[in-house]
Amino acid sequence: MTELRFNELRGEVVDYAIHRQERTFLPARDHCPLDPTRAGAPVTEIPFPSFEIAVFDNRFPAFESPHGAAEVVVYTDDHDASFASLPARRAQALMWVWRQRYTELGARDDIQYVYIFENRGVEVGVTLHHPHGQIYGYPFLPPIAEREHEADVRLGGCAPCTLLARELADRTRVVHETASTVTYVPHAARWAYEAHVVLREHRASLLDCEAGELADLAAALQGLARGYDALFDRPFPYVMAVHQAPTGGGPAIAGAGHLHVEFYPPLRTAEKLKYLAGSEQGAGTFISDTLPEDSAALLRAAIARAPMRGEGGS
C-alpha cells in the first residue's frame, strides 16, 4: 500500500511507497527479471520464451488500484538492445502500445494523469538494464501537468504550440524535423542537452494522432536517442517523459495538453554530470553551464552523423 501526504511548504503531494525499498536492484546479467523465460533458466516476469513488447503491473508499484497504477513496458526480449536500436517497426508498435495504455488507464476513475516515461542509465537511477519504460497512473494531477496548464493560461493558448512557433521562427535551436514533428533544444533548457520532440499539429494526446504522425513520432524519438549516443560516443543516459492531456480533473483543465516528449539527459560532457544541488533543490532555480544554442549545434551534428539503425527487421 502507498500513502499520500501533502507538503504544505512546496504545495505538492509526496507518495510514500515503502515496499519499493525492496525492489530488484541491478541484478546479475543471467537473473534479469525482464528477460524472457527460457528453458533451464530462472523464471522471469515474462512467461514466454520470446516476445516483442510486454506490459505488466509493476511488482513494486509507486501507485496501485484503487489509487492509481504503475506498469512496466518492456521494449524487446533482447537484453542488450536499447530504444535507439529497436527496428523502426518495433518503435512504431511501441507508440500504439503507449496509446492503448493511455486509453485504458485514462478511463479509470482513480487515475487523473497517465505518465509514460523511460529512465535510461544508472546515472538517472535505473535499477534494471534491460530496455524498458514505465507508466504511472497518478490519482491526482502532478505539479508539472499543473504548470503546463498555467503556461497555457499565461500565454493565452496552447503553450507548446506557441513555443514551437517561436523555435521555428528562430531555428537556431532546432535539431531535427520530420513531416509531423520538430525536435529542438528549448530556449530556457535546464539540462545541457535537454530536447523536446513536439507534434507540429495540436494533438492533445496519442489518441488524437494519425498513423503517420505516430510513425513520425517514433522516428523522431529514435533519431534523437541515436544522436545522444553519437554525441559523446557512449550510451547516453536520459529521462524520456511523454507529456499529454490529463485524463481527469474537471473543467478547470478541459482542453489542456499538447502531446510532446521531453528528454532530460544529466551529462554535460562525456564524463561530467549535472547534479541537482543547492540552488536547484533548495531554491528551485537551475544553474546551467552551457548555452542552449551551443548545445543545439552539437546535438544537431550528432544526430546527422548517428548511424541509421532501427530500420526494418522484426
Protein backbone atom coordinates (compact mmCIF):
# COMPACT_ATOMS: atom_id res chain seq x y z
CA MET A 1 0.00 0.00 0.00
CA THR A 2 1.03 3.58 -0.57
CA GLU A 3 0.30 6.69 1.44
CA LEU A 4 -0.04 10.20 0.04
CA ARG A 5 0.87 13.21 2.13
CA PHE A 6 0.68 16.88 1.16
CA ASN A 7 3.81 19.00 1.61
CA GLU A 8 2.40 22.40 2.57
CA LEU A 9 5.61 24.38 2.04
CA ARG A 10 6.11 23.14 -1.50
CA GLY A 11 2.44 22.71 -2.34
CA GLU A 12 2.92 19.17 -3.65
CA VAL A 13 1.96 15.61 -2.89
CA VAL A 14 4.60 13.14 -1.68
CA ASP A 15 3.99 9.44 -2.35
CA TYR A 16 5.23 7.02 0.32
CA ALA A 17 5.63 3.57 -1.25
CA ILE A 18 7.89 1.95 1.33
CA HIS A 19 7.65 -1.53 -0.23
CA ARG A 20 9.75 -0.19 -3.14
CA GLN A 21 12.77 -0.22 -0.82
CA GLU A 22 13.00 -3.96 -1.55
CA ARG A 23 12.77 -3.75 -5.34
CA THR A 24 15.28 -5.53 -7.55
CA PHE A 25 18.50 -3.54 -7.93
CA LEU A 26 20.90 -4.14 -10.83
CA PRO A 27 20.74 -7.95 -10.83
CA ALA A 28 23.33 -10.18 -12.48
CA ARG A 29 23.02 -10.47 -16.25
CA ASP A 30 21.66 -14.02 -16.06
CA HIS A 31 19.00 -13.09 -13.49
CA CYS A 32 17.31 -10.19 -15.24
CA PRO A 33 13.57 -10.28 -14.43
CA LEU A 34 12.73 -8.61 -17.76
CA ASP A 35 14.33 -11.27 -19.93
CA PRO A 36 12.05 -13.90 -21.50
CA THR A 37 11.65 -17.16 -19.56
CA ARG A 38 13.74 -19.75 -21.37
CA ALA A 39 14.15 -23.48 -20.77
CA GLY A 40 16.62 -24.18 -17.99
CA ALA A 41 16.82 -20.52 -16.94
CA PRO A 42 15.18 -18.80 -13.94
CA VAL A 43 11.52 -17.83 -14.29
CA THR A 44 11.16 -14.11 -15.05
CA GLU A 45 8.30 -11.59 -15.06
CA ILE A 46 7.52 -12.59 -18.66
CA PRO A 47 6.47 -16.27 -19.01
CA PHE A 48 7.31 -16.62 -22.71
CA PRO A 49 10.49 -17.79 -24.47
CA SER A 50 10.37 -14.74 -26.76
CA PHE A 51 8.27 -11.61 -27.20
CA GLU A 52 8.12 -8.28 -28.99
CA ILE A 53 6.65 -5.88 -26.40
CA ALA A 54 5.40 -6.82 -22.94
CA VAL A 55 3.32 -4.79 -20.47
CA PHE A 56 2.58 -5.86 -16.90
CA ASP A 57 1.87 -4.43 -13.46
CA ASN A 58 4.94 -3.27 -11.59
CA ARG A 59 5.73 -5.67 -8.77
CA PHE A 60 6.89 -2.71 -6.66
CA PRO A 61 4.31 -0.08 -7.64
CA ALA A 62 4.52 3.59 -6.75
CA PHE A 63 0.72 3.67 -7.21
CA GLU A 64 -1.81 0.85 -7.28
CA SER A 65 -5.57 0.36 -7.57
CA PRO A 66 -7.80 1.82 -6.26
CA HIS A 67 -5.42 4.77 -6.04
CA GLY A 68 -3.66 4.78 -9.40
CA ALA A 69 -1.47 2.34 -11.31
CA ALA A 70 2.13 1.52 -12.15
CA GLU A 71 3.08 -0.59 -15.16
CA VAL A 72 6.29 -1.77 -16.81
CA VAL A 73 6.66 -1.68 -20.61
CA VAL A 74 9.46 -3.93 -21.90
CA TYR A 75 10.52 -2.86 -25.39
CA THR A 76 12.15 -6.09 -26.57
CA ASP A 77 13.33 -9.51 -25.46
CA ASP A 78 16.92 -8.51 -26.39
CA HIS A 79 18.63 -7.63 -23.12
CA ASP A 80 21.44 -5.76 -24.87
CA ALA A 81 19.27 -3.59 -27.13
CA SER A 82 18.08 -0.05 -26.46
CA PHE A 83 15.20 2.15 -27.51
CA ALA A 84 17.50 3.73 -30.11
CA SER A 85 18.42 0.36 -31.64
CA LEU A 86 14.90 -1.03 -31.99
CA PRO A 87 13.81 -1.80 -35.55
CA ALA A 88 11.63 1.03 -36.86
CA ARG A 89 8.59 -1.27 -36.97
CA ARG A 90 9.05 -2.13 -33.29
CA ALA A 91 9.40 1.51 -32.28
CA GLN A 92 6.21 2.34 -34.17
CA ALA A 93 4.42 -0.53 -32.45
CA LEU A 94 5.52 0.90 -29.13
CA MET A 95 3.70 4.15 -29.92
CA TRP A 96 0.48 2.15 -30.36
CA VAL A 97 1.10 0.32 -27.08
CA TRP A 98 1.54 3.67 -25.33
CA ARG A 99 -1.69 4.84 -26.92
CA GLN A 100 -3.62 1.74 -25.79
CA ARG A 101 -2.35 2.03 -22.21
CA TYR A 102 -3.19 5.75 -22.13
CA THR A 103 -6.72 4.87 -23.28
CA GLU A 104 -7.30 2.08 -20.78
CA LEU A 105 -5.68 3.67 -17.75
CA GLY A 106 -7.14 7.09 -18.53
CA ALA A 107 -10.65 5.66 -18.48
CA ARG A 108 -10.30 4.69 -14.81
CA ASP A 109 -11.96 6.89 -12.20
CA ASP A 110 -8.97 6.62 -9.87
CA ILE A 111 -6.49 7.98 -12.44
CA GLN A 112 -6.19 11.68 -13.24
CA TYR A 113 -2.98 11.68 -15.27
CA VAL A 114 -1.22 8.99 -17.32
CA TYR A 115 2.53 9.48 -17.39
CA ILE A 116 4.68 7.42 -19.78
CA PHE A 117 8.43 7.59 -19.29
CA GLU A 118 11.78 5.84 -19.60
CA ASN A 119 14.75 6.10 -17.28
CA ARG A 120 17.93 5.09 -19.09
CA GLY A 121 21.27 4.63 -17.36
CA VAL A 122 22.44 4.24 -13.80
CA GLU A 123 23.14 7.99 -13.81
CA VAL A 124 19.39 8.62 -13.57
CA GLY A 125 18.81 5.79 -11.11
CA VAL A 126 17.78 2.90 -13.35
CA THR A 127 17.68 -0.41 -11.46
CA LEU A 128 17.30 -2.80 -14.43
CA HIS A 129 19.43 -2.56 -17.56
CA HIS A 130 17.02 -4.38 -19.87
CA PRO A 131 15.44 -1.75 -22.21
CA HIS A 132 12.10 -0.77 -20.77
CA GLY A 133 9.91 2.13 -19.75
CA GLN A 134 7.19 2.67 -17.20
CA ILE A 135 3.68 4.08 -17.00
CA TYR A 136 2.28 5.73 -13.88
CA GLY A 137 -1.40 6.42 -13.45
CA TYR A 138 -1.49 9.27 -10.95
CA PRO A 139 -4.55 9.56 -8.71
CA PHE A 140 -4.03 13.35 -8.75
CA LEU A 141 -2.76 15.93 -11.22
CA PRO A 142 1.04 16.13 -10.72
CA PRO A 143 2.78 19.53 -10.45
CA ILE A 144 4.35 19.55 -13.92
CA ALA A 145 0.98 19.00 -15.58
CA GLU A 146 -0.46 21.82 -13.47
CA ARG A 147 2.39 24.13 -14.50
CA GLU A 148 1.87 23.33 -18.16
CA HIS A 149 -1.77 24.33 -17.81
CA GLU A 150 -0.68 27.53 -16.06
CA ALA A 151 1.61 28.20 -19.04
CA ASP A 152 -1.38 27.83 -21.37
CA VAL A 153 -3.21 30.45 -19.35
CA ARG A 154 -0.18 32.75 -19.17
CA LEU A 155 0.41 32.60 -22.93
CA GLY A 156 -3.24 32.86 -23.85
CA GLY A 157 -3.48 29.49 -25.58
CA CYS A 158 -1.59 26.24 -26.06
CA ALA A 159 1.90 26.83 -24.62
CA PRO A 160 3.67 24.08 -26.62
CA CYS A 161 2.12 25.44 -29.84
CA THR A 162 3.31 28.96 -29.00
CA LEU A 163 6.81 27.82 -28.07
CA LEU A 164 7.07 25.64 -31.18
CA ALA A 165 6.18 28.63 -33.37
CA ARG A 166 8.91 30.66 -31.68
CA GLU A 167 11.51 27.93 -32.20
CA LEU A 168 10.59 27.52 -35.87
CA ALA A 169 10.85 31.27 -36.38
CA ASP A 170 14.28 31.39 -34.71
CA ARG A 171 15.57 27.95 -35.90
CA THR A 172 18.91 28.19 -34.05
CA ARG A 173 17.85 25.52 -31.56
CA VAL A 174 16.01 23.17 -33.97
CA VAL A 175 17.97 19.92 -34.22
CA HIS A 176 15.73 17.55 -36.22
CA GLU A 177 12.47 17.58 -38.19
CA THR A 178 10.05 15.12 -39.69
CA ALA A 179 6.82 15.81 -41.55
CA SER A 180 4.88 15.70 -38.27
CA THR A 181 7.42 16.58 -35.58
CA VAL A 182 10.05 19.13 -34.61
CA THR A 183 12.87 18.41 -32.18
CA TYR A 184 14.57 21.34 -30.50
CA VAL A 185 16.62 22.38 -27.50
CA PRO A 186 14.32 24.77 -25.63
CA HIS A 187 15.20 28.45 -25.21
CA ALA A 188 15.41 28.03 -21.43
CA ALA A 189 16.69 24.44 -21.25
CA ARG A 190 17.58 23.32 -17.76
CA TRP A 191 19.78 20.36 -18.74
CA ALA A 192 22.77 20.86 -21.06
CA TYR A 193 21.32 18.66 -23.81
CA GLU A 194 17.64 18.79 -22.96
CA ALA A 195 15.47 18.39 -26.04
CA HIS A 196 11.74 18.41 -26.78
CA VAL A 197 10.02 16.47 -29.56
CA VAL A 198 6.76 18.26 -30.41
CA LEU A 199 3.93 17.44 -32.79
CA ARG A 200 3.54 20.18 -35.41
CA GLU A 201 -0.25 20.00 -35.27
CA HIS A 202 -2.06 20.43 -32.00
CA ARG A 203 -2.64 16.94 -30.66
CA ALA A 204 -3.79 16.73 -27.07
CA SER A 205 -2.70 13.12 -26.68
CA LEU A 206 -1.66 9.99 -28.52
CA LEU A 207 -5.35 9.32 -29.12
CA ASP A 208 -5.55 12.31 -31.47
CA CYS A 209 -2.64 11.26 -33.67
CA GLU A 210 -3.00 9.78 -37.13
CA ALA A 211 -0.99 6.67 -38.02
CA GLY A 212 1.56 8.71 -39.96
CA GLU A 213 2.09 11.03 -37.01
CA LEU A 214 2.75 8.09 -34.69
CA ALA A 215 5.28 6.72 -37.18
CA ASP A 216 6.96 10.13 -37.37
CA LEU A 217 6.98 10.41 -33.58
CA ALA A 218 8.73 7.05 -33.29
CA ALA A 219 11.30 8.11 -35.92
CA ALA A 220 11.94 11.44 -34.19
CA LEU A 221 12.38 9.86 -30.77
CA GLN A 222 14.76 7.24 -32.13
CA GLY A 223 16.66 9.84 -34.14
CA LEU A 224 17.25 11.91 -31.04
CA ALA A 225 18.20 8.88 -28.93
CA ARG A 226 20.73 7.79 -31.57
CA GLY A 227 22.07 11.33 -31.70
CA TYR A 228 22.59 11.31 -27.96
CA ASP A 229 24.61 8.09 -28.20
CA ALA A 230 26.70 9.59 -31.00
CA LEU A 231 27.29 12.87 -29.17
CA PHE A 232 29.97 11.50 -26.83
CA ASP A 233 30.29 8.07 -28.47
CA ARG A 234 28.82 6.30 -25.44
CA PRO A 235 25.42 5.09 -24.21
CA PHE A 236 23.70 8.31 -23.20
CA PRO A 237 21.63 8.40 -20.00
CA TYR A 238 18.35 10.27 -20.04
CA VAL A 239 14.83 10.54 -18.75
CA MET A 240 12.29 10.44 -21.60
CA ALA A 241 8.98 11.96 -20.46
CA VAL A 242 5.77 11.84 -22.52
CA HIS A 243 3.58 14.87 -21.80
CA GLN A 244 -0.05 14.83 -22.88
CA ALA A 245 -3.53 15.81 -21.76
CA PRO A 246 -4.74 14.90 -18.28
CA THR A 247 -7.44 12.24 -18.23
CA GLY A 248 -9.38 13.72 -15.32
CA GLY A 249 -9.52 16.79 -13.16
CA GLY A 250 -12.72 18.53 -14.18
CA PRO A 251 -13.44 21.59 -16.33
CA ALA A 252 -10.54 23.64 -14.97
CA ILE A 253 -8.14 21.74 -17.23
CA ALA A 254 -10.51 20.88 -20.05
CA GLY A 255 -8.68 21.23 -23.35
CA ALA A 256 -5.27 21.32 -21.66
CA GLY A 257 -2.36 19.40 -23.06
CA HIS A 258 -0.35 19.09 -26.26
CA LEU A 259 1.49 15.85 -26.96
CA HIS A 260 5.23 16.31 -26.71
CA VAL A 261 8.14 14.31 -25.36
CA GLU A 262 10.86 15.87 -23.23
CA PHE A 263 14.34 14.40 -22.71
CA TYR A 264 16.35 15.27 -19.61
CA PRO A 265 19.95 13.98 -20.01
CA PRO A 266 22.23 14.52 -17.00
CA LEU A 267 25.53 14.58 -18.93
CA ARG A 268 27.09 17.96 -19.61
CA THR A 269 30.29 16.46 -21.03
CA ALA A 270 31.30 12.89 -21.78
CA GLU A 271 32.41 12.43 -18.16
CA LYS A 272 30.68 15.19 -16.18
CA LEU A 273 27.17 15.05 -14.76
CA LYS A 274 24.81 17.87 -13.91
CA TYR A 275 23.82 17.44 -10.28
CA LEU A 276 20.75 18.95 -8.68
CA ALA A 277 22.48 20.68 -5.82
CA GLY A 278 21.94 23.70 -3.58
CA SER A 279 20.25 26.15 -5.95
CA GLU A 280 18.22 23.54 -7.79
CA GLN A 281 16.96 21.67 -4.73
CA GLY A 282 16.89 24.38 -2.12
CA ALA A 283 15.75 27.36 -4.20
CA GLY A 284 14.22 25.66 -7.22
CA THR A 285 16.42 27.52 -9.73
CA PHE A 286 18.54 25.67 -12.28
CA ILE A 287 22.03 26.96 -12.98
CA SER A 288 23.39 25.79 -16.33
CA ASP A 289 26.97 25.62 -17.59
CA THR A 290 26.05 25.68 -21.29
CA LEU A 291 24.01 27.81 -23.66
CA PRO A 292 21.08 26.08 -25.41
CA GLU A 293 22.22 27.40 -28.80
CA ASP A 294 25.68 25.83 -28.41
CA SER A 295 24.20 22.54 -27.22
CA ALA A 296 21.75 22.53 -30.13
CA ALA A 297 24.57 22.90 -32.67
CA LEU A 298 26.47 19.96 -31.17
CA LEU A 299 23.36 17.82 -30.90
CA ARG A 300 22.26 18.65 -34.45
CA ALA A 301 25.65 17.48 -35.75
CA ALA A 302 25.50 14.32 -33.63
CA ILE A 303 22.06 13.40 -34.98
CA ALA A 304 23.32 13.93 -38.53
CA ARG A 305 26.27 11.58 -38.06
CA ALA A 306 24.49 8.95 -35.97
CA PRO A 307 24.28 5.54 -37.68
CA MET A 308 20.86 4.88 -39.14
CA ARG A 309 19.91 1.89 -37.07
CA GLY A 310 16.39 0.86 -36.32
CA GLU A 311 15.31 0.30 -39.94
CA GLY A 312 13.44 -2.79 -40.98
CA GLY A 313 13.87 -6.04 -39.08
CA SER A 314 11.49 -7.56 -36.58
